[in-house]
Amino acid sequence: VDGVAPLGAVAAEAYRQRGQVLTRGVLNRTELESLSVTLSSLLLAHGRRAFGDDDGKKEVRFTFAVHELDASVAAFVANTDGELWRAAAGLAGTDELCLLMDRGFSKDPGDPETHWHRDDEAIGLPGVHPDLRTVHAWVPLSAMGKDMGTLQYLVGTHRRSFSRFENFLASVWGWEFAWFATSPSFQDDGLDLGDIAWHDGWVLHSAGPNAGSAVRNGLAASFAYCAAGSGCGGTAARVSDKDVTCRVAAR
């Protein structure tokens, strides 16, 4: 199954197998055109340099909780009847989703590759409840190719179990070696307004360097759900009928 698919059963299957999928034309382009102007301005004004080195270089600019900065952004990310939420539910396999977080990511021209990581691990989610799962949407705010530093993935590393060969490699050289030695890589390319790049919170991914001449802006929305009937202790429940934020994020 390819890493690019129309929304529906094919995309859901690709997502389950690969831990990522790029869906084309999911969002309303007219709405995105207006929203992208607002968001690009917000990200420029509020973005913070992240993951810098000793030479003063950074990997990216973060803007946390963008929905708190503008009502139109809040309406977009919290619209449970909108295309974004419906698509997330289709990939997660459940309507019982809550909004874990939203943030803006800006890569300026010349910004290097973002370090490889797992989102769930980075925010300590496994320690909250072992059955908590996340699906992450990355929404491009303009047309862009891989040269601008789109997301790239080690396909299949979202799995919770591995083969004997993979376990052997990990036992000798460590899991990082095993993953890079056995997992194919995929990078999003040819993105346009209305597309969404999705990934599982446990898949290893990064973003390439921005070798282009323009800023690469994207809005990320992360949804959480419980993978078991336990309810995950209520951590994946919404705060209220009117507040779709995850209870675990509101602590």
C-alpha atoms as a PDB file:
ATOM      1  CA  VAL A   1       0.000   0.000   0.000  1.00  0.00           C
ATOM      2  CA  ASP A   2       1.429   3.372  -1.030  1.00  0.00           C
ATOM      3  CA  GLY A   3       1.935   6.280   1.348  1.00  0.00           C
ATOM      4  CA  VAL A   4      -0.389   8.517  -0.701  1.00  0.00           C
ATOM      5  CA  ALA A   5      -4.093   7.669  -0.915  1.00  0.00           C
ATOM      6  CA  PRO A   6      -7.551   9.203  -1.281  1.00  0.00           C
ATOM      7  CA  LEU A   7      -9.500   9.418   1.945  1.00  0.00           C
ATOM      8  CA  GLY A   8     -11.425   6.248   2.735  1.00  0.00           C
ATOM      9  CA  ALA A   9     -10.725   2.555   3.245  1.00  0.00           C
ATOM     10  CA  VAL A  10      -7.509   2.653   1.196  1.00  0.00           C
ATOM     11  CA  ALA A  11      -6.101   5.487   3.297  1.00  0.00           C
ATOM     12  CA  ALA A  12      -7.112   3.769   6.540  1.00  0.00           C
ATOM     13  CA  GLU A  13      -5.394   0.550   5.482  1.00  0.00           C
ATOM     14  CA  ALA A  14      -2.250   2.417   4.431  1.00  0.00           C
ATOM     15  CA  TYR A  15      -2.237   4.216   7.756  1.00  0.00           C
ATOM     16  CA  ARG A  16      -2.570   0.972   9.723  1.00  0.00           C
ATOM     17  CA  GLN A  17       0.210  -0.725   7.796  1.00  0.00           C
ATOM     18  CA  ARG A  18       2.642   2.161   7.426  1.00  0.00           C
ATOM     19  CA  GLY A  19       1.954   4.494  10.343  1.00  0.00           C
ATOM     20  CA  GLN A  20       1.496   7.385   7.909  1.00  0.00           C
ATOM     21  CA  VAL A  21      -0.539   8.391   4.895  1.00  0.00           C
ATOM     22  CA  LEU A  22      -0.885  11.527   2.786  1.00  0.00           C
ATOM     23  CA  THR A  23      -4.488  12.289   1.823  1.00  0.00           C
ATOM     24  CA  ARG A  24      -5.218  14.660  -1.037  1.00  0.00           C
ATOM     25  CA  GLY A  25      -7.864  17.378  -1.182  1.00  0.00           C
ATOM     26  CA  VAL A  26      -9.543  16.533   2.111  1.00  0.00           C
ATOM     27  CA  LEU A  27     -10.039  20.058   3.379  1.00  0.00           C
ATOM     28  CA  ASN A  28     -11.973  22.901   1.787  1.00  0.00           C
ATOM     29  CA  ARG A  29      -9.452  24.869  -0.262  1.00  0.00           C
ATOM     30  CA  THR A  30     -11.318  28.180   0.013  1.00  0.00           C
ATOM     31  CA  GLU A  31     -11.435  27.899   3.803  1.00  0.00           C
ATOM     32  CA  LEU A  32      -7.742  27.002   3.889  1.00  0.00           C
ATOM     33  CA  GLU A  33      -6.776  29.965   1.739  1.00  0.00           C
ATOM     34  CA  SER A  34      -8.293  32.348   4.283  1.00  0.00           C
ATOM     35  CA  LEU A  35      -7.010  30.396   7.281  1.00  0.00           C
ATOM     36  CA  SER A  36      -3.480  30.160   5.899  1.00  0.00           C
ATOM     37  CA  VAL A  37      -3.152  33.949   5.740  1.00  0.00           C
ATOM     38  CA  THR A  38      -4.163  34.250   9.394  1.00  0.00           C
ATOM     39  CA  LEU A  39      -1.993  31.363  10.512  1.00  0.00           C
ATOM     40  CA  SER A  40       1.106  32.483   8.622  1.00  0.00           C
ATOM     41  CA  SER A  41       0.866  35.857  10.363  1.00  0.00           C
ATOM     42  CA  LEU A  42       0.377  34.225  13.771  1.00  0.00           C
ATOM     43  CA  LEU A  43       3.301  31.842  13.309  1.00  0.00           C
ATOM     44  CA  LEU A  44       5.588  34.696  12.319  1.00  0.00           C
ATOM     45  CA  ALA A  45       4.574  36.755  15.357  1.00  0.00           C
ATOM     46  CA  HIS A  46       4.508  34.003  17.977  1.00  0.00           C
ATOM     47  CA  GLY A  47       6.906  31.289  16.777  1.00  0.00           C
ATOM     48  CA  ARG A  48       9.731  30.280  19.098  1.00  0.00           C
ATOM     49  CA  ARG A  49      13.057  28.905  17.970  1.00  0.00           C
ATOM     50  CA  ALA A  50      13.418  25.228  18.834  1.00  0.00           C
ATOM     51  CA  PHE A  51      16.194  22.645  18.946  1.00  0.00           C
ATOM     52  CA  GLY A  52      19.059  25.042  18.410  1.00  0.00           C
ATOM     53  CA  ASP A  53      22.742  24.087  18.393  1.00  0.00           C
ATOM     54  CA  ASP A  54      25.890  25.744  19.696  1.00  0.00           C
ATOM     55  CA  ASP A  55      26.213  27.755  16.486  1.00  0.00           C
ATOM     56  CA  GLY A  56      22.851  29.396  17.033  1.00  0.00           C
ATOM     57  CA  LYS A  57      21.070  27.470  14.308  1.00  0.00           C
ATOM     58  CA  LYS A  58      17.580  26.075  14.891  1.00  0.00           C
ATOM     59  CA  GLU A  59      15.605  23.217  13.391  1.00  0.00           C
ATOM     60  CA  VAL A  60      12.184  24.866  13.414  1.00  0.00           C
ATOM     61  CA  ARG A  61       9.953  27.527  14.953  1.00  0.00           C
ATOM     62  CA  PHE A  62       7.138  26.271  17.208  1.00  0.00           C
ATOM     63  CA  THR A  63       3.900  28.080  17.972  1.00  0.00           C
ATOM     64  CA  PHE A  64       2.011  26.260  20.710  1.00  0.00           C
ATOM     65  CA  ALA A  65      -1.786  26.248  21.202  1.00  0.00           C
ATOM     66  CA  VAL A  66      -2.496  28.300  18.094  1.00  0.00           C
ATOM     67  CA  HIS A  67      -6.243  28.027  18.744  1.00  0.00           C
ATOM     68  CA  GLU A  68      -5.798  30.330  21.733  1.00  0.00           C
ATOM     69  CA  LEU A  69      -4.518  33.101  19.445  1.00  0.00           C
ATOM     70  CA  ASP A  70      -7.385  33.356  16.965  1.00  0.00           C
ATOM     71  CA  ALA A  71     -11.079  32.463  16.949  1.00  0.00           C
ATOM     72  CA  SER A  72     -11.088  31.207  13.351  1.00  0.00           C
ATOM     73  CA  VAL A  73      -8.267  28.787  14.108  1.00  0.00           C
ATOM     74  CA  ALA A  74     -10.090  27.623  17.237  1.00  0.00           C
ATOM     75  CA  ALA A  75     -13.255  27.011  15.217  1.00  0.00           C
ATOM     76  CA  PHE A  76     -11.298  25.026  12.619  1.00  0.00           C
ATOM     77  CA  VAL A  77      -9.475  22.677  14.983  1.00  0.00           C
ATOM     78  CA  ALA A  78     -12.483  22.154  17.284  1.00  0.00           C
ATOM     79  CA  ASN A  79     -15.087  21.498  14.603  1.00  0.00           C
ATOM     80  CA  THR A  80     -16.050  17.894  15.294  1.00  0.00           C
ATOM     81  CA  ASP A  81     -18.321  17.891  12.226  1.00  0.00           C
ATOM     82  CA  GLY A  82     -15.589  19.163   9.905  1.00  0.00           C
ATOM     83  CA  GLU A  83     -13.459  17.276   7.401  1.00  0.00           C
ATOM     84  CA  LEU A  84     -10.420  17.269   9.700  1.00  0.00           C
ATOM     85  CA  TRP A  85     -12.190  15.468  12.543  1.00  0.00           C
ATOM     86  CA  ARG A  86     -14.046  13.080  10.247  1.00  0.00           C
ATOM     87  CA  ALA A  87     -10.804  12.088   8.559  1.00  0.00           C
ATOM     88  CA  ALA A  88      -9.039  11.601  11.893  1.00  0.00           C
ATOM     89  CA  ALA A  89     -11.880   9.389  13.117  1.00  0.00           C
ATOM     90  CA  GLY A  90     -11.681   7.298   9.950  1.00  0.00           C
ATOM     91  CA  LEU A  91      -7.981   6.637  10.458  1.00  0.00           C
ATOM     92  CA  ALA A  92      -8.299   6.016  14.195  1.00  0.00           C
ATOM     93  CA  GLY A  93     -11.266   3.700  13.681  1.00  0.00           C
ATOM     94  CA  THR A  94     -13.369   5.468  16.292  1.00  0.00           C
ATOM     95  CA  ASP A  95     -15.418   8.637  16.738  1.00  0.00           C
ATOM     96  CA  GLU A  96     -14.343   8.822  20.386  1.00  0.00           C
ATOM     97  CA  LEU A  97     -11.587  11.357  19.772  1.00  0.00           C
ATOM     98  CA  CYS A  98     -10.429  14.356  21.732  1.00  0.00           C
ATOM     99  CA  LEU A  99      -8.075  17.195  20.776  1.00  0.00           C
ATOM    100  CA  LEU A 100      -4.727  16.613  22.454  1.00  0.00           C
ATOM    101  CA  MET A 101      -2.913  19.687  21.137  1.00  0.00           C
ATOM    102  CA  ASP A 102      -2.427  21.973  18.165  1.00  0.00           C
ATOM    103  CA  ARG A 103       0.666  23.908  17.134  1.00  0.00           C
ATOM    104  CA  GLY A 104       2.277  25.642  14.213  1.00  0.00           C
ATOM    105  CA  PHE A 105       5.571  24.593  12.677  1.00  0.00           C
ATOM    106  CA  SER A 106       7.661  26.961  10.579  1.00  0.00           C
ATOM    107  CA  LYS A 107      10.873  26.055   8.793  1.00  0.00           C
ATOM    108  CA  ASP A 108      12.761  29.030   7.455  1.00  0.00           C
ATOM    109  CA  PRO A 109      14.955  28.698   4.373  1.00  0.00           C
ATOM    110  CA  GLY A 110      18.226  27.104   5.452  1.00  0.00           C
ATOM    111  CA  ASP A 111      16.813  25.390   8.539  1.00  0.00           C
ATOM    112  CA  PRO A 112      18.376  21.900   8.862  1.00  0.00           C
ATOM    113  CA  GLU A 113      16.685  18.543   9.231  1.00  0.00           C
ATOM    114  CA  THR A 114      14.523  18.155  12.328  1.00  0.00           C
ATOM    115  CA  HIS A 115      15.714  15.353  14.612  1.00  0.00           C
ATOM    116  CA  TRP A 116      14.003  11.956  14.398  1.00  0.00           C
ATOM    117  CA  HIS A 117      11.465  11.296  17.150  1.00  0.00           C
ATOM    118  CA  ARG A 118       8.168   9.767  18.196  1.00  0.00           C
ATOM    119  CA  ASP A 119       5.525  12.303  19.188  1.00  0.00           C
ATOM    120  CA  ASP A 120       3.950  10.175  21.918  1.00  0.00           C
ATOM    121  CA  GLU A 121       7.338   9.484  23.448  1.00  0.00           C
ATOM    122  CA  ALA A 122       8.355  13.144  23.249  1.00  0.00           C
ATOM    123  CA  ILE A 123       5.356  14.248  25.342  1.00  0.00           C
ATOM    124  CA  GLY A 124       5.457  11.308  27.767  1.00  0.00           C
ATOM    125  CA  LEU A 125       2.127   9.836  26.720  1.00  0.00           C
ATOM    126  CA  PRO A 126       2.998   6.136  27.311  1.00  0.00           C
ATOM    127  CA  GLY A 127       3.480   6.922  30.993  1.00  0.00           C
ATOM    128  CA  VAL A 128      -0.059   8.290  31.254  1.00  0.00           C
ATOM    129  CA  HIS A 129      -1.840   5.117  30.100  1.00  0.00           C
ATOM    130  CA  PRO A 130      -0.520   2.205  27.972  1.00  0.00           C
ATOM    131  CA  ASP A 131      -3.632   2.117  25.770  1.00  0.00           C
ATOM    132  CA  LEU A 132      -3.601   5.797  24.795  1.00  0.00           C
ATOM    133  CA  ARG A 133      -3.063   6.275  21.051  1.00  0.00           C
ATOM    134  CA  THR A 134      -2.767   9.359  18.871  1.00  0.00           C
ATOM    135  CA  VAL A 135      -3.279  10.345  15.260  1.00  0.00           C
ATOM    136  CA  HIS A 136      -1.534  13.491  14.052  1.00  0.00           C
ATOM    137  CA  ALA A 137      -2.588  15.735  11.180  1.00  0.00           C
ATOM    138  CA  TRP A 138      -0.062  18.036   9.499  1.00  0.00           C
ATOM    139  CA  VAL A 139      -1.843  20.632   7.338  1.00  0.00           C
ATOM    140  CA  PRO A 140       0.323  22.534   4.824  1.00  0.00           C
ATOM    141  CA  LEU A 141      -0.461  26.250   4.625  1.00  0.00           C
ATOM    142  CA  SER A 142       0.817  26.556   1.051  1.00  0.00           C
ATOM    143  CA  ALA A 143       1.865  24.357  -1.838  1.00  0.00           C
ATOM    144  CA  MET A 144       5.218  22.731  -1.101  1.00  0.00           C
ATOM    145  CA  GLY A 145       7.561  19.966  -2.176  1.00  0.00           C
ATOM    146  CA  LYS A 146      10.001  17.886  -0.211  1.00  0.00           C
ATOM    147  CA  ASP A 147      12.751  20.432  -0.882  1.00  0.00           C
ATOM    148  CA  MET A 148      11.042  22.733   1.652  1.00  0.00           C
ATOM    149  CA  GLY A 149      11.401  20.256   4.507  1.00  0.00           C
ATOM    150  CA  THR A 150       8.218  18.218   4.559  1.00  0.00           C
ATOM    151  CA  LEU A 151       7.736  15.354   7.002  1.00  0.00           C
ATOM    152  CA  GLN A 152       9.603  12.102   6.428  1.00  0.00           C
ATOM    153  CA  TYR A 153       8.964   8.758   8.112  1.00  0.00           C
ATOM    154  CA  LEU A 154      10.496   5.373   8.850  1.00  0.00           C
ATOM    155  CA  VAL A 155       7.583   3.345   7.580  1.00  0.00           C
ATOM    156  CA  GLY A 156       6.194   0.707   9.926  1.00  0.00           C
ATOM    157  CA  THR A 157       8.022   1.812  13.067  1.00  0.00           C
ATOM    158  CA  HIS A 158       4.671   2.456  14.762  1.00  0.00           C
ATOM    159  CA  ARG A 159       4.323  -1.302  15.313  1.00  0.00           C
ATOM    160  CA  ARG A 160       4.323  -2.561  18.889  1.00  0.00           C
ATOM    161  CA  SER A 161       5.991  -5.884  18.020  1.00  0.00           C
ATOM    162  CA  PHE A 162       8.901  -6.764  15.753  1.00  0.00           C
ATOM    163  CA  SER A 163      10.362  -9.764  13.958  1.00  0.00           C
ATOM    164  CA  ARG A 164      13.065 -12.035  15.345  1.00  0.00           C
ATOM    165  CA  PHE A 165      15.557 -10.486  12.915  1.00  0.00           C
ATOM    166  CA  GLU A 166      14.689  -6.970  14.037  1.00  0.00           C
ATOM    167  CA  ASN A 167      14.965  -7.988  17.667  1.00  0.00           C
ATOM    168  CA  PHE A 168      18.340  -9.589  16.964  1.00  0.00           C
ATOM    169  CA  LEU A 169      19.680  -6.420  15.325  1.00  0.00           C
ATOM    170  CA  ALA A 170      18.405  -4.377  18.241  1.00  0.00           C
ATOM    171  CA  SER A 171      20.014  -6.701  20.774  1.00  0.00           C
ATOM    172  CA  VAL A 172      23.418  -6.237  19.138  1.00  0.00           C
ATOM    173  CA  TRP A 173      23.408  -2.666  17.822  1.00  0.00           C
ATOM    174  CA  GLY A 174      20.349  -1.055  19.409  1.00  0.00           C
ATOM    175  CA  TRP A 175      16.881  -0.194  18.165  1.00  0.00           C
ATOM    176  CA  GLU A 176      17.911   2.909  16.266  1.00  0.00           C
ATOM    177  CA  PHE A 177      20.225   0.812  14.087  1.00  0.00           C
ATOM    178  CA  ALA A 178      17.553  -1.852  13.619  1.00  0.00           C
ATOM    179  CA  TRP A 179      14.896   0.650  12.541  1.00  0.00           C
ATOM    180  CA  PHE A 180      17.096   2.491  10.053  1.00  0.00           C
ATOM    181  CA  ALA A 181      18.472  -0.780   8.673  1.00  0.00           C
ATOM    182  CA  THR A 182      15.119  -2.454   8.057  1.00  0.00           C
ATOM    183  CA  SER A 183      12.491   0.263   7.612  1.00  0.00           C
ATOM    184  CA  PRO A 184      11.874   2.032   4.292  1.00  0.00           C
ATOM    185  CA  SER A 185      11.673   5.801   4.403  1.00  0.00           C
ATOM    186  CA  PHE A 186       9.015   7.998   2.843  1.00  0.00           C
ATOM    187  CA  GLN A 187       8.818  11.782   2.535  1.00  0.00           C
ATOM    188  CA  ASP A 188       5.721  13.813   1.743  1.00  0.00           C
ATOM    189  CA  ASP A 189       5.969  15.621  -1.584  1.00  0.00           C
ATOM    190  CA  GLY A 190       3.800  17.748  -3.831  1.00  0.00           C
ATOM    191  CA  LEU A 191       1.569  19.009  -1.025  1.00  0.00           C
ATOM    192  CA  ASP A 192      -1.158  21.530  -1.785  1.00  0.00           C
ATOM    193  CA  LEU A 193      -3.814  23.407   0.162  1.00  0.00           C
ATOM    194  CA  GLY A 194      -6.440  20.922   1.291  1.00  0.00           C
ATOM    195  CA  ASP A 195      -4.032  17.999   1.677  1.00  0.00           C
ATOM    196  CA  ILE A 196      -3.289  16.438   5.077  1.00  0.00           C
ATOM    197  CA  ALA A 197      -0.173  14.475   6.008  1.00  0.00           C
ATOM    198  CA  TRP A 198      -1.119  11.983   8.744  1.00  0.00           C
ATOM    199  CA  HIS A 199       1.044   9.946  11.068  1.00  0.00           C
ATOM    200  CA  ASP A 200       0.663   7.674  14.058  1.00  0.00           C
ATOM    201  CA  GLY A 201       2.074   9.044  17.303  1.00  0.00           C
ATOM    202  CA  TRP A 202       4.447   6.098  17.574  1.00  0.00           C
ATOM    203  CA  VAL A 203       6.012   6.222  14.091  1.00  0.00           C
ATOM    204  CA  LEU A 204       9.555   7.570  13.870  1.00  0.00           C
ATOM    205  CA  HIS A 205       9.641  10.718  11.787  1.00  0.00           C
ATOM    206  CA  SER A 206      11.426  13.989  11.213  1.00  0.00           C
ATOM    207  CA  ALA A 207      11.277  16.864   8.748  1.00  0.00           C
ATOM    208  CA  GLY A 208      13.813  17.420   6.012  1.00  0.00           C
ATOM    209  CA  PRO A 209      15.910  20.571   5.665  1.00  0.00           C
ATOM    210  CA  ASN A 210      14.331  23.568   3.985  1.00  0.00           C
ATOM    211  CA  ALA A 211      16.409  24.007   0.852  1.00  0.00           C
ATOM    212  CA  GLY A 212      13.782  26.252  -0.718  1.00  0.00           C
ATOM    213  CA  SER A 213      13.488  30.030  -0.799  1.00  0.00           C
ATOM    214  CA  ALA A 214      10.239  30.359   1.155  1.00  0.00           C
ATOM    215  CA  VAL A 215       9.117  29.607   4.717  1.00  0.00           C
ATOM    216  CA  ARG A 216       7.476  26.203   5.151  1.00  0.00           C
ATOM    217  CA  ASN A 217       4.438  26.686   7.396  1.00  0.00           C
ATOM    218  CA  GLY A 218       2.148  23.960   8.673  1.00  0.00           C
ATOM    219  CA  LEU A 219      -0.568  23.513  11.275  1.00  0.00           C
ATOM    220  CA  ALA A 220      -0.470  20.304  13.306  1.00  0.00           C
ATOM    221  CA  ALA A 221      -3.521  18.965  15.125  1.00  0.00           C
ATOM    222  CA  SER A 222      -3.165  15.907  17.340  1.00  0.00           C
ATOM    223  CA  PHE A 223      -6.063  13.695  18.378  1.00  0.00           C
ATOM    224  CA  ALA A 224      -6.066  11.090  21.147  1.00  0.00           C
ATOM    225  CA  TYR A 225      -8.229   8.019  21.663  1.00  0.00           C
ATOM    226  CA  CYS A 226      -8.230   4.850  23.726  1.00  0.00           C
ATOM    227  CA  ALA A 227      -7.248   1.652  21.912  1.00  0.00           C
ATOM    228  CA  ALA A 228      -8.920  -0.633  24.456  1.00  0.00           C
ATOM    229  CA  GLY A 229     -12.277  -0.947  26.172  1.00  0.00           C
ATOM    230  CA  SER A 230     -10.755   0.223  29.434  1.00  0.00           C
ATOM    231  CA  GLY A 231     -11.462   3.851  28.591  1.00  0.00           C
ATOM    232  CA  CYS A 232      -7.855   4.669  29.506  1.00  0.00           C
ATOM    233  CA  GLY A 233      -8.971   5.944  32.885  1.00  0.00           C
ATOM    234  CA  GLY A 234     -10.850   8.790  31.249  1.00  0.00           C
ATOM    235  CA  THR A 235      -7.654  10.380  29.935  1.00  0.00           C
ATOM    236  CA  ALA A 236      -8.906  10.271  26.327  1.00  0.00           C
ATOM    237  CA  ALA A 237     -12.304  11.714  27.197  1.00  0.00           C
ATOM    238  CA  ARG A 238     -13.245  15.259  26.253  1.00  0.00           C
ATOM    239  CA  VAL A 239     -13.323  17.879  28.989  1.00  0.00           C
ATOM    240  CA  SER A 240     -17.015  18.525  28.276  1.00  0.00           C
ATOM    241  CA  ASP A 241     -19.596  18.550  25.506  1.00  0.00           C
ATOM    242  CA  LYS A 242     -18.463  22.052  24.589  1.00  0.00           C
ATOM    243  CA  ASP A 243     -14.725  21.614  25.195  1.00  0.00           C
ATOM    244  CA  VAL A 244     -13.212  18.924  22.945  1.00  0.00           C
ATOM    245  CA  THR A 245      -9.809  19.117  24.624  1.00  0.00           C
ATOM    246  CA  CYS A 246      -8.551  15.804  26.016  1.00  0.00           C
ATOM    247  CA  ARG A 247      -8.757  15.543  29.775  1.00  0.00           C
ATOM    248  CA  VAL A 248      -5.129  14.441  29.842  1.00  0.00           C
ATOM    249  CA  ALA A 249      -4.154  17.731  28.151  1.00  0.00           C
ATOM    250  CA  ALA A 250      -6.235  19.811  30.539  1.00  0.00           C
ATOM    251  CA  ARG A 251      -4.481  18.530  33.649  1.00  0.00           C
END
